[in-house]
């Protein structure tokens, strides 16, 4: 069985190695890895888009 310290280190290394996709509107990093398909938005642009959609009816 793996030591808890080894597991935590492996998870931290994996999280650091992820390359995040750029927002298609402002080019800031998103919360999504580059492997995600579709138009990725950063949290700010995602929120703004949701506001526009909610107000458009």
C-alpha atoms as a PDB file:
ATOM      1  CA  UNK A   1       0.000   0.000   0.000  1.00  0.00           C
ATOM      2  CA  UNK A   2       1.292   3.479  -0.893  1.00  0.00           C
ATOM      3  CA  UNK A   3       2.324   5.933   1.778  1.00  0.00           C
ATOM      4  CA  UNK A   4      -0.045   8.957   2.050  1.00  0.00           C
ATOM      5  CA  UNK A   5       2.900  11.312   1.433  1.00  0.00           C
ATOM      6  CA  UNK A   6       3.679   9.550  -1.850  1.00  0.00           C
ATOM      7  CA  UNK A   7       0.069   9.787  -3.010  1.00  0.00           C
ATOM      8  CA  UNK A   8      -0.151  13.502  -2.182  1.00  0.00           C
ATOM      9  CA  UNK A   9       3.129  14.155  -4.014  1.00  0.00           C
ATOM     10  CA  UNK A  10       1.936  12.249  -7.096  1.00  0.00           C
ATOM     11  CA  UNK A  11      -1.336  14.219  -7.184  1.00  0.00           C
ATOM     12  CA  UNK A  12       0.467  17.554  -6.743  1.00  0.00           C
ATOM     13  CA  UNK A  13       2.905  16.743  -9.550  1.00  0.00           C
ATOM     14  CA  UNK A  14       0.066  15.766 -11.878  1.00  0.00           C
ATOM     15  CA  UNK A  15      -1.831  18.982 -11.128  1.00  0.00           C
ATOM     16  CA  UNK A  16       1.262  21.101 -11.829  1.00  0.00           C
ATOM     17  CA  UNK A  17       1.922  19.353 -15.164  1.00  0.00           C
ATOM     18  CA  UNK A  18      -1.499  20.170 -16.620  1.00  0.00           C
ATOM     19  CA  UNK A  19      -1.434  22.802 -19.342  1.00  0.00           C
ATOM     20  CA  UNK A  20      -4.572  24.892 -19.184  1.00  0.00           C
ATOM     21  CA  UNK A  21      -6.391  26.172 -22.254  1.00  0.00           C
ATOM     22  CA  UNK A  22      -6.580  29.885 -23.038  1.00  0.00           C
ATOM     23  CA  UNK A  23      -9.875  31.746 -22.929  1.00  0.00           C
ATOM     24  CA  UNK A  24     -11.138  32.280 -26.480  1.00  0.00           C
ATOM     25  CA  UNK A  25     -12.145  35.865 -25.650  1.00  0.00           C
ATOM     26  CA  UNK A  26      -9.383  37.329 -23.464  1.00  0.00           C
ATOM     27  CA  UNK A  27      -6.583  34.704 -23.748  1.00  0.00           C
ATOM     28  CA  UNK A  28      -6.238  34.305 -19.957  1.00  0.00           C
ATOM     29  CA  UNK A  29      -5.805  30.749 -18.564  1.00  0.00           C
ATOM     30  CA  UNK A  30      -9.026  28.840 -17.962  1.00  0.00           C
ATOM     31  CA  UNK A  31      -9.906  26.146 -15.445  1.00  0.00           C
ATOM     32  CA  UNK A  32      -9.924  23.563 -18.243  1.00  0.00           C
ATOM     33  CA  UNK A  33      -7.006  21.523 -19.599  1.00  0.00           C
ATOM     34  CA  UNK A  34      -5.979  22.034 -23.233  1.00  0.00           C
ATOM     35  CA  UNK A  35      -7.479  18.640 -24.087  1.00  0.00           C
ATOM     36  CA  UNK A  36     -11.052  19.928 -23.538  1.00  0.00           C
ATOM     37  CA  UNK A  37     -12.904  20.402 -26.803  1.00  0.00           C
ATOM     38  CA  UNK A  38     -14.983  23.435 -27.599  1.00  0.00           C
ATOM     39  CA  UNK A  39     -14.753  27.121 -26.814  1.00  0.00           C
ATOM     40  CA  UNK A  40     -13.180  27.451 -23.383  1.00  0.00           C
ATOM     41  CA  UNK A  41     -13.743  30.594 -21.333  1.00  0.00           C
ATOM     42  CA  UNK A  42     -12.014  31.897 -18.211  1.00  0.00           C
ATOM     43  CA  UNK A  43     -14.218  32.261 -15.108  1.00  0.00           C
ATOM     44  CA  UNK A  44     -14.728  36.015 -15.708  1.00  0.00           C
ATOM     45  CA  UNK A  45     -15.745  35.647 -19.364  1.00  0.00           C
ATOM     46  CA  UNK A  46     -17.878  32.610 -18.476  1.00  0.00           C
ATOM     47  CA  UNK A  47     -19.772  34.711 -15.910  1.00  0.00           C
ATOM     48  CA  UNK A  48     -20.171  37.619 -18.346  1.00  0.00           C
ATOM     49  CA  UNK A  49     -21.480  35.283 -21.050  1.00  0.00           C
ATOM     50  CA  UNK A  50     -23.999  33.811 -18.584  1.00  0.00           C
ATOM     51  CA  UNK A  51     -25.181  37.348 -17.740  1.00  0.00           C
ATOM     52  CA  UNK A  52     -25.642  38.197 -21.438  1.00  0.00           C
ATOM     53  CA  UNK A  53     -27.589  34.987 -22.037  1.00  0.00           C
ATOM     54  CA  UNK A  54     -29.811  35.550 -18.982  1.00  0.00           C
ATOM     55  CA  UNK A  55     -30.677  39.096 -20.075  1.00  0.00           C
ATOM     56  CA  UNK A  56     -31.321  38.196 -23.717  1.00  0.00           C
ATOM     57  CA  UNK A  57     -34.453  36.288 -22.875  1.00  0.00           C
END
